[in-house]
Amino acid sequence: MIGCDCTVCQSPNPRNNRYRCSVLIGTPRGNILIDTTPEMRLQLLRENVKLVHAVLYTHYHVDHLFGLDDLRLFPITLKGSLPIYCTDETEEIIRQAFAYVFHPGTEHLPAGMLPQLEFRRIATAPFEALGERVTPIPMMHGRFNCLGFRIGDVAYCTDVSMIPESSWPLLEGVDVFVIDALRPEKPHPSHFCLEQALAAIDRVKPRQAYLTHMSHTMDYDWLIKMLPPNVAPAHDGLSFQF
């Protein structure tokens, strides 16, 4: 956190050094990226990811969206527009925030000068991306709408303050559950605190759960000692197979 000298911000443990949260899913047909954080370029370089074939958006907030301009390189290799899966609400914000991408005539510019995007609108119905069945999980993020995503038996649910009762059945049988946990105790208007995240994990009963979207009040070393055996704090670069 800028200007903070707390023990987590000054921690020598690299797992306390966190970029904004995003997920890359490798499939037989290519890479699906969930959200384009402001650090997206640095994240992809760090993990040696050379190509993204599709992007899914949970919602339109800056920390999940504002790396979008760096998608401009991928259509060069794809030889066509990059598929973007998002709600109509998120598409509207993208078109406003990155208006220069959509000016008349820009479709004729050479690939790489601007992001070349193909919007594919999603809502609550399952859809297919790169041959994978993706199930949106509607959630509340304060007063905003947000989507979690389930692919196979893995569910990714960041930026959540409340899971509607109608969304819980979509989490049944999940093997790996990635869930928002902003801070240790005090509930936040837009995010689960640790207690709320653990309650959600207890309800879903996954084999493994990971906490994400953690603030600087969440120390990795403290968490790893006190969490239940099937729960761990996520960290930048974490990977698993499913």
C-alpha atoms as a PDB file:
ATOM      1  CA  MET A   1       0.000   0.000   0.000  1.00  0.00           C
ATOM      2  CA  ILE A   2       1.433   3.378  -0.999  1.00  0.00           C
ATOM      3  CA  GLY A   3       2.884   5.260   1.963  1.00  0.00           C
ATOM      4  CA  CYS A   4       2.379   2.412   4.445  1.00  0.00           C
ATOM      5  CA  ASP A   5       5.096   1.091   6.756  1.00  0.00           C
ATOM      6  CA  CYS A   6       3.096  -1.741   8.340  1.00  0.00           C
ATOM      7  CA  THR A   7       4.706  -5.141   8.841  1.00  0.00           C
ATOM      8  CA  VAL A   8       2.970  -6.633   5.784  1.00  0.00           C
ATOM      9  CA  CYS A   9       3.925  -3.774   3.459  1.00  0.00           C
ATOM     10  CA  GLN A  10       7.528  -4.054   4.700  1.00  0.00           C
ATOM     11  CA  SER A  11       7.512  -7.868   4.810  1.00  0.00           C
ATOM     12  CA  PRO A  12      10.501  -9.712   3.323  1.00  0.00           C
ATOM     13  CA  ASN A  13       8.163 -12.553   2.329  1.00  0.00           C
ATOM     14  CA  PRO A  14       7.490 -12.131  -1.421  1.00  0.00           C
ATOM     15  CA  ARG A  15       4.041 -13.699  -0.926  1.00  0.00           C
ATOM     16  CA  ASN A  16       3.009 -10.508   0.840  1.00  0.00           C
ATOM     17  CA  ASN A  17       3.775  -8.539  -2.346  1.00  0.00           C
ATOM     18  CA  ARG A  18       0.542  -8.685  -4.329  1.00  0.00           C
ATOM     19  CA  TYR A  19      -0.567  -7.322  -7.678  1.00  0.00           C
ATOM     20  CA  ARG A  20      -4.260  -6.826  -8.394  1.00  0.00           C
ATOM     21  CA  CYS A  21      -5.976 -10.207  -8.762  1.00  0.00           C
ATOM     22  CA  SER A  22      -6.441 -11.999 -12.053  1.00  0.00           C
ATOM     23  CA  VAL A  23      -6.462 -15.601 -13.264  1.00  0.00           C
ATOM     24  CA  LEU A  24      -5.102 -17.358 -16.344  1.00  0.00           C
ATOM     25  CA  ILE A  25      -6.653 -20.689 -17.381  1.00  0.00           C
ATOM     26  CA  GLY A  26      -4.708 -22.842 -19.801  1.00  0.00           C
ATOM     27  CA  THR A  27      -6.922 -24.990 -22.040  1.00  0.00           C
ATOM     28  CA  PRO A  28      -6.180 -27.257 -25.020  1.00  0.00           C
ATOM     29  CA  ARG A  29      -7.371 -24.439 -27.311  1.00  0.00           C
ATOM     30  CA  GLY A  30      -5.464 -21.612 -25.639  1.00  0.00           C
ATOM     31  CA  ASN A  31      -5.346 -19.265 -22.664  1.00  0.00           C
ATOM     32  CA  ILE A  32      -8.396 -17.684 -21.017  1.00  0.00           C
ATOM     33  CA  LEU A  33      -7.634 -14.601 -18.936  1.00  0.00           C
ATOM     34  CA  ILE A  34     -10.060 -13.465 -16.244  1.00  0.00           C
ATOM     35  CA  ASP A  35      -9.804  -9.668 -15.878  1.00  0.00           C
ATOM     36  CA  THR A  36      -7.126  -7.301 -17.152  1.00  0.00           C
ATOM     37  CA  THR A  37      -5.536  -5.682 -14.124  1.00  0.00           C
ATOM     38  CA  PRO A  38      -3.410  -2.525 -14.307  1.00  0.00           C
ATOM     39  CA  GLU A  39      -0.402  -4.855 -13.790  1.00  0.00           C
ATOM     40  CA  MET A  40      -1.494  -7.308 -16.511  1.00  0.00           C
ATOM     41  CA  ARG A  41       1.589  -6.714 -18.651  1.00  0.00           C
ATOM     42  CA  LEU A  42       3.883  -7.358 -15.671  1.00  0.00           C
ATOM     43  CA  GLN A  43       1.901 -10.429 -14.636  1.00  0.00           C
ATOM     44  CA  LEU A  44       2.039 -12.004 -18.088  1.00  0.00           C
ATOM     45  CA  LEU A  45       5.753 -11.255 -18.442  1.00  0.00           C
ATOM     46  CA  ARG A  46       6.461 -12.740 -15.012  1.00  0.00           C
ATOM     47  CA  GLU A  47       4.653 -15.974 -15.887  1.00  0.00           C
ATOM     48  CA  ASN A  48       6.091 -16.083 -19.437  1.00  0.00           C
ATOM     49  CA  VAL A  49       2.620 -16.041 -21.002  1.00  0.00           C
ATOM     50  CA  LYS A  50       3.085 -15.174 -24.659  1.00  0.00           C
ATOM     51  CA  LEU A  51      -0.518 -15.202 -25.864  1.00  0.00           C
ATOM     52  CA  VAL A  52      -4.058 -14.714 -24.547  1.00  0.00           C
ATOM     53  CA  HIS A  53      -6.853 -16.183 -26.679  1.00  0.00           C
ATOM     54  CA  ALA A  54      -9.921 -14.920 -24.782  1.00  0.00           C
ATOM     55  CA  VAL A  55     -10.770 -12.623 -21.869  1.00  0.00           C
ATOM     56  CA  LEU A  56     -13.566 -12.919 -19.292  1.00  0.00           C
ATOM     57  CA  TYR A  57     -14.541  -9.957 -17.127  1.00  0.00           C
ATOM     58  CA  THR A  58     -15.982 -10.258 -13.633  1.00  0.00           C
ATOM     59  CA  HIS A  59     -16.946  -6.557 -13.586  1.00  0.00           C
ATOM     60  CA  TYR A  60     -15.756  -3.151 -14.736  1.00  0.00           C
ATOM     61  CA  HIS A  61     -13.865  -1.666 -11.775  1.00  0.00           C
ATOM     62  CA  VAL A  62     -10.453  -0.138 -12.494  1.00  0.00           C
ATOM     63  CA  ASP A  63      -8.430  -2.798 -10.674  1.00  0.00           C
ATOM     64  CA  HIS A  64      -9.951  -5.476 -12.913  1.00  0.00           C
ATOM     65  CA  LEU A  65     -10.108  -3.561 -16.192  1.00  0.00           C
ATOM     66  CA  PHE A  66      -7.447  -0.938 -16.779  1.00  0.00           C
ATOM     67  CA  GLY A  67      -4.779  -3.211 -18.250  1.00  0.00           C
ATOM     68  CA  LEU A  68      -6.997  -3.623 -21.310  1.00  0.00           C
ATOM     69  CA  ASP A  69      -4.832  -1.496 -23.627  1.00  0.00           C
ATOM     70  CA  ASP A  70      -2.033  -4.073 -23.407  1.00  0.00           C
ATOM     71  CA  LEU A  71      -4.304  -6.592 -25.138  1.00  0.00           C
ATOM     72  CA  ARG A  72      -3.384  -4.836 -28.389  1.00  0.00           C
ATOM     73  CA  LEU A  73      -0.541  -7.248 -29.183  1.00  0.00           C
ATOM     74  CA  PHE A  74      -2.494 -10.487 -29.181  1.00  0.00           C
ATOM     75  CA  PRO A  75      -4.604  -9.927 -32.342  1.00  0.00           C
ATOM     76  CA  ILE A  76      -1.346  -9.749 -34.319  1.00  0.00           C
ATOM     77  CA  THR A  77      -0.703 -13.422 -33.580  1.00  0.00           C
ATOM     78  CA  LEU A  78      -4.375 -14.396 -33.595  1.00  0.00           C
ATOM     79  CA  LYS A  79      -4.817 -12.685 -36.970  1.00  0.00           C
ATOM     80  CA  GLY A  80      -8.178 -11.423 -35.811  1.00  0.00           C
ATOM     81  CA  SER A  81     -10.011  -9.772 -32.957  1.00  0.00           C
ATOM     82  CA  LEU A  82      -9.641 -10.974 -29.380  1.00  0.00           C
ATOM     83  CA  PRO A  83     -12.901 -12.363 -27.918  1.00  0.00           C
ATOM     84  CA  ILE A  84     -14.072 -10.455 -24.844  1.00  0.00           C
ATOM     85  CA  TYR A  85     -16.790 -12.077 -22.698  1.00  0.00           C
ATOM     86  CA  CYS A  86     -18.605  -9.586 -20.489  1.00  0.00           C
ATOM     87  CA  THR A  87     -22.014  -8.276 -19.494  1.00  0.00           C
ATOM     88  CA  ASP A  88     -23.650  -5.409 -21.368  1.00  0.00           C
ATOM     89  CA  GLU A  89     -22.969  -3.249 -18.299  1.00  0.00           C
ATOM     90  CA  THR A  90     -19.225  -3.947 -18.466  1.00  0.00           C
ATOM     91  CA  GLU A  91     -19.141  -3.474 -22.246  1.00  0.00           C
ATOM     92  CA  GLU A  92     -20.696  -0.033 -21.848  1.00  0.00           C
ATOM     93  CA  ILE A  93     -17.984   1.024 -19.386  1.00  0.00           C
ATOM     94  CA  ILE A  94     -15.209  -0.385 -21.605  1.00  0.00           C
ATOM     95  CA  ARG A  95     -16.524   1.627 -24.552  1.00  0.00           C
ATOM     96  CA  GLN A  96     -16.578   4.775 -22.391  1.00  0.00           C
ATOM     97  CA  ALA A  97     -13.225   4.317 -20.653  1.00  0.00           C
ATOM     98  CA  PHE A  98     -11.394   3.274 -23.837  1.00  0.00           C
ATOM     99  CA  ALA A  99     -13.353   5.390 -26.313  1.00  0.00           C
ATOM    100  CA  TYR A 100     -10.293   5.861 -28.548  1.00  0.00           C
ATOM    101  CA  VAL A 101     -10.372   2.148 -29.364  1.00  0.00           C
ATOM    102  CA  PHE A 102     -13.828   2.430 -30.914  1.00  0.00           C
ATOM    103  CA  HIS A 103     -13.634   5.655 -32.913  1.00  0.00           C
ATOM    104  CA  PRO A 104     -14.954   5.303 -36.474  1.00  0.00           C
ATOM    105  CA  GLY A 105     -12.176   4.261 -38.815  1.00  0.00           C
ATOM    106  CA  THR A 106     -10.025   2.569 -36.190  1.00  0.00           C
ATOM    107  CA  GLU A 107     -11.124  -0.833 -37.476  1.00  0.00           C
ATOM    108  CA  HIS A 108      -8.899  -0.217 -40.495  1.00  0.00           C
ATOM    109  CA  LEU A 109      -5.718   0.421 -38.482  1.00  0.00           C
ATOM    110  CA  PRO A 110      -2.987  -2.259 -38.539  1.00  0.00           C
ATOM    111  CA  ALA A 111      -3.142  -4.883 -35.792  1.00  0.00           C
ATOM    112  CA  GLY A 112      -1.192  -3.823 -32.735  1.00  0.00           C
ATOM    113  CA  MET A 113      -1.937  -0.099 -32.890  1.00  0.00           C
ATOM    114  CA  LEU A 114      -5.115  -0.459 -30.829  1.00  0.00           C
ATOM    115  CA  PRO A 115      -6.791  -3.373 -29.048  1.00  0.00           C
ATOM    116  CA  GLN A 116      -8.949  -5.241 -31.556  1.00  0.00           C
ATOM    117  CA  LEU A 117     -11.813  -6.649 -29.533  1.00  0.00           C
ATOM    118  CA  GLU A 118     -14.840  -8.763 -30.323  1.00  0.00           C
ATOM    119  CA  PHE A 119     -17.465  -8.397 -27.612  1.00  0.00           C
ATOM    120  CA  ARG A 120     -19.387 -11.520 -26.718  1.00  0.00           C
ATOM    121  CA  ARG A 121     -22.145 -10.608 -24.329  1.00  0.00           C
ATOM    122  CA  ILE A 122     -22.840 -12.870 -21.392  1.00  0.00           C
ATOM    123  CA  ALA A 123     -25.464 -12.794 -18.658  1.00  0.00           C
ATOM    124  CA  THR A 124     -26.283 -15.623 -16.261  1.00  0.00           C
ATOM    125  CA  ALA A 125     -26.548 -18.530 -18.701  1.00  0.00           C
ATOM    126  CA  PRO A 126     -23.580 -20.885 -19.143  1.00  0.00           C
ATOM    127  CA  PHE A 127     -21.524 -20.218 -22.255  1.00  0.00           C
ATOM    128  CA  GLU A 128     -18.558 -21.691 -24.092  1.00  0.00           C
ATOM    129  CA  ALA A 129     -15.094 -20.120 -24.312  1.00  0.00           C
ATOM    130  CA  LEU A 130     -12.295 -21.948 -26.148  1.00  0.00           C
ATOM    131  CA  GLY A 131     -14.269 -25.156 -25.881  1.00  0.00           C
ATOM    132  CA  GLU A 132     -14.739 -24.841 -22.110  1.00  0.00           C
ATOM    133  CA  ARG A 133     -18.167 -24.597 -20.486  1.00  0.00           C
ATOM    134  CA  VAL A 134     -18.185 -21.517 -18.274  1.00  0.00           C
ATOM    135  CA  THR A 135     -20.935 -20.947 -15.718  1.00  0.00           C
ATOM    136  CA  PRO A 136     -21.376 -17.357 -14.488  1.00  0.00           C
ATOM    137  CA  ILE A 137     -22.089 -17.024 -10.772  1.00  0.00           C
ATOM    138  CA  PRO A 138     -24.013 -13.795 -10.025  1.00  0.00           C
ATOM    139  CA  MET A 139     -22.755 -12.060  -6.886  1.00  0.00           C
ATOM    140  CA  MET A 140     -23.117  -8.698  -5.183  1.00  0.00           C
ATOM    141  CA  HIS A 141     -20.075  -6.437  -4.785  1.00  0.00           C
ATOM    142  CA  GLY A 142     -21.481  -3.769  -2.506  1.00  0.00           C
ATOM    143  CA  ARG A 143     -24.079  -2.012  -4.667  1.00  0.00           C
ATOM    144  CA  PHE A 144     -22.485  -3.356  -7.864  1.00  0.00           C
ATOM    145  CA  ASN A 145     -23.078  -6.529  -9.815  1.00  0.00           C
ATOM    146  CA  CYS A 146     -20.163  -8.920 -10.204  1.00  0.00           C
ATOM    147  CA  LEU A 147     -19.730 -12.348 -11.735  1.00  0.00           C
ATOM    148  CA  GLY A 148     -17.829 -15.309 -10.436  1.00  0.00           C
ATOM    149  CA  PHE A 149     -16.986 -18.042 -12.925  1.00  0.00           C
ATOM    150  CA  ARG A 150     -17.061 -21.808 -12.665  1.00  0.00           C
ATOM    151  CA  ILE A 151     -15.092 -23.932 -15.124  1.00  0.00           C
ATOM    152  CA  GLY A 152     -15.300 -27.635 -14.422  1.00  0.00           C
ATOM    153  CA  ASP A 153     -15.012 -28.095 -10.675  1.00  0.00           C
ATOM    154  CA  VAL A 154     -13.160 -24.833 -10.040  1.00  0.00           C
ATOM    155  CA  ALA A 155     -14.986 -21.649  -9.014  1.00  0.00           C
ATOM    156  CA  TYR A 156     -13.378 -18.199  -8.973  1.00  0.00           C
ATOM    157  CA  CYS A 157     -15.323 -15.653  -6.915  1.00  0.00           C
ATOM    158  CA  THR A 158     -13.508 -12.407  -6.325  1.00  0.00           C
ATOM    159  CA  ASP A 159     -15.046  -9.068  -5.293  1.00  0.00           C
ATOM    160  CA  VAL A 160     -18.053 -10.372  -3.410  1.00  0.00           C
ATOM    161  CA  SER A 161     -19.912  -8.999  -0.411  1.00  0.00           C
ATOM    162  CA  MET A 162     -22.932 -11.275  -0.737  1.00  0.00           C
ATOM    163  CA  ILE A 163     -23.695 -14.468  -2.642  1.00  0.00           C
ATOM    164  CA  PRO A 164     -27.403 -14.539  -3.537  1.00  0.00           C
ATOM    165  CA  GLU A 165     -29.283 -17.618  -2.437  1.00  0.00           C
ATOM    166  CA  SER A 166     -29.979 -18.491  -6.075  1.00  0.00           C
ATOM    167  CA  SER A 167     -26.226 -18.664  -6.775  1.00  0.00           C
ATOM    168  CA  TRP A 168     -25.309 -21.220  -4.121  1.00  0.00           C
ATOM    169  CA  PRO A 169     -26.501 -24.235  -6.196  1.00  0.00           C
ATOM    170  CA  LEU A 170     -23.999 -23.193  -8.889  1.00  0.00           C
ATOM    171  CA  LEU A 171     -21.227 -23.876  -6.368  1.00  0.00           C
ATOM    172  CA  GLU A 172     -22.328 -27.389  -5.487  1.00  0.00           C
ATOM    173  CA  GLY A 173     -19.636 -30.005  -6.036  1.00  0.00           C
ATOM    174  CA  VAL A 174     -16.827 -27.460  -6.460  1.00  0.00           C
ATOM    175  CA  ASP A 175     -13.397 -29.021  -5.874  1.00  0.00           C
ATOM    176  CA  VAL A 176     -11.319 -25.813  -5.741  1.00  0.00           C
ATOM    177  CA  PHE A 177     -12.928 -22.591  -4.519  1.00  0.00           C
ATOM    178  CA  VAL A 178     -11.164 -19.225  -4.885  1.00  0.00           C
ATOM    179  CA  ILE A 179     -12.926 -16.633  -2.748  1.00  0.00           C
ATOM    180  CA  ASP A 180     -12.609 -12.950  -1.816  1.00  0.00           C
ATOM    181  CA  ALA A 181     -11.263 -12.218   1.689  1.00  0.00           C
ATOM    182  CA  LEU A 182     -10.217  -8.586   2.039  1.00  0.00           C
ATOM    183  CA  ARG A 183      -9.332  -8.294   5.714  1.00  0.00           C
ATOM    184  CA  PRO A 184      -9.280 -10.314   8.946  1.00  0.00           C
ATOM    185  CA  GLU A 185     -12.336  -9.308  10.976  1.00  0.00           C
ATOM    186  CA  LYS A 186     -14.375  -6.199  10.241  1.00  0.00           C
ATOM    187  CA  PRO A 187     -16.873  -6.712   7.376  1.00  0.00           C
ATOM    188  CA  HIS A 188     -16.400  -4.417   4.390  1.00  0.00           C
ATOM    189  CA  PRO A 189     -19.264  -2.901   2.365  1.00  0.00           C
ATOM    190  CA  SER A 190     -17.991  -4.465  -0.871  1.00  0.00           C
ATOM    191  CA  HIS A 191     -15.938  -7.509   0.111  1.00  0.00           C
ATOM    192  CA  PHE A 192     -16.032 -10.559   2.326  1.00  0.00           C
ATOM    193  CA  CYS A 193     -13.883 -10.367   5.413  1.00  0.00           C
ATOM    194  CA  LEU A 194     -12.032 -13.501   6.507  1.00  0.00           C
ATOM    195  CA  GLU A 195     -14.872 -14.728   8.728  1.00  0.00           C
ATOM    196  CA  GLN A 196     -17.388 -14.401   5.904  1.00  0.00           C
ATOM    197  CA  ALA A 197     -15.071 -16.115   3.436  1.00  0.00           C
ATOM    198  CA  LEU A 198     -14.546 -19.039   5.809  1.00  0.00           C
ATOM    199  CA  ALA A 199     -18.316 -19.326   6.288  1.00  0.00           C
ATOM    200  CA  ALA A 200     -18.767 -19.515   2.509  1.00  0.00           C
ATOM    201  CA  ILE A 201     -16.026 -22.138   2.252  1.00  0.00           C
ATOM    202  CA  ASP A 202     -17.692 -24.165   4.987  1.00  0.00           C
ATOM    203  CA  ARG A 203     -20.954 -24.069   3.031  1.00  0.00           C
ATOM    204  CA  VAL A 204     -19.390 -25.033  -0.305  1.00  0.00           C
ATOM    205  CA  LYS A 205     -17.100 -27.678   1.259  1.00  0.00           C
ATOM    206  CA  PRO A 206     -14.426 -27.771  -1.462  1.00  0.00           C
ATOM    207  CA  ARG A 207     -11.401 -30.018  -1.292  1.00  0.00           C
ATOM    208  CA  GLN A 208      -9.233 -26.888  -1.453  1.00  0.00           C
ATOM    209  CA  ALA A 209      -9.995 -23.191  -1.034  1.00  0.00           C
ATOM    210  CA  TYR A 210      -7.814 -20.149  -1.707  1.00  0.00           C
ATOM    211  CA  LEU A 211      -8.312 -16.629  -0.383  1.00  0.00           C
ATOM    212  CA  THR A 212      -7.821 -13.786  -2.838  1.00  0.00           C
ATOM    213  CA  HIS A 213      -8.178  -9.980  -3.088  1.00  0.00           C
ATOM    214  CA  MET A 214      -6.392  -9.666   0.276  1.00  0.00           C
ATOM    215  CA  SER A 215      -5.424  -6.260   1.626  1.00  0.00           C
ATOM    216  CA  HIS A 216      -2.247  -5.369   3.511  1.00  0.00           C
ATOM    217  CA  THR A 217      -3.978  -6.354   6.750  1.00  0.00           C
ATOM    218  CA  MET A 218      -3.693 -10.009   5.678  1.00  0.00           C
ATOM    219  CA  ASP A 219      -0.246 -11.373   6.498  1.00  0.00           C
ATOM    220  CA  TYR A 220       0.635 -14.535   4.568  1.00  0.00           C
ATOM    221  CA  ASP A 221       2.676 -16.099   7.387  1.00  0.00           C
ATOM    222  CA  TRP A 222      -0.075 -15.503   9.952  1.00  0.00           C
ATOM    223  CA  LEU A 223      -2.761 -16.851   7.651  1.00  0.00           C
ATOM    224  CA  ILE A 224      -0.888 -20.015   6.702  1.00  0.00           C
ATOM    225  CA  LYS A 225      -0.589 -20.912  10.397  1.00  0.00           C
ATOM    226  CA  MET A 226      -4.182 -20.259  11.470  1.00  0.00           C
ATOM    227  CA  LEU A 227      -6.319 -21.335   8.500  1.00  0.00           C
ATOM    228  CA  PRO A 228      -8.027 -24.749   8.292  1.00  0.00           C
ATOM    229  CA  PRO A 229      -6.021 -27.450   6.472  1.00  0.00           C
ATOM    230  CA  ASN A 230      -8.000 -27.100   3.229  1.00  0.00           C
ATOM    231  CA  VAL A 231      -7.736 -23.296   3.084  1.00  0.00           C
ATOM    232  CA  ALA A 232      -4.701 -21.271   2.021  1.00  0.00           C
ATOM    233  CA  PRO A 233      -3.968 -17.670   1.121  1.00  0.00           C
ATOM    234  CA  ALA A 234      -3.419 -17.314  -2.614  1.00  0.00           C
ATOM    235  CA  HIS A 235      -0.198 -15.685  -3.769  1.00  0.00           C
ATOM    236  CA  ASP A 236       1.037 -14.175  -7.003  1.00  0.00           C
ATOM    237  CA  GLY A 237       2.169 -16.959  -9.311  1.00  0.00           C
ATOM    238  CA  LEU A 238       0.097 -19.656  -7.596  1.00  0.00           C
ATOM    239  CA  SER A 239      -0.845 -22.433 -10.028  1.00  0.00           C
ATOM    240  CA  PHE A 240      -2.700 -25.733  -9.883  1.00  0.00           C
ATOM    241  CA  GLN A 241      -4.049 -28.283 -12.314  1.00  0.00           C
ATOM    242  CA  PHE A 242      -7.656 -29.469 -12.658  1.00  0.00           C
END
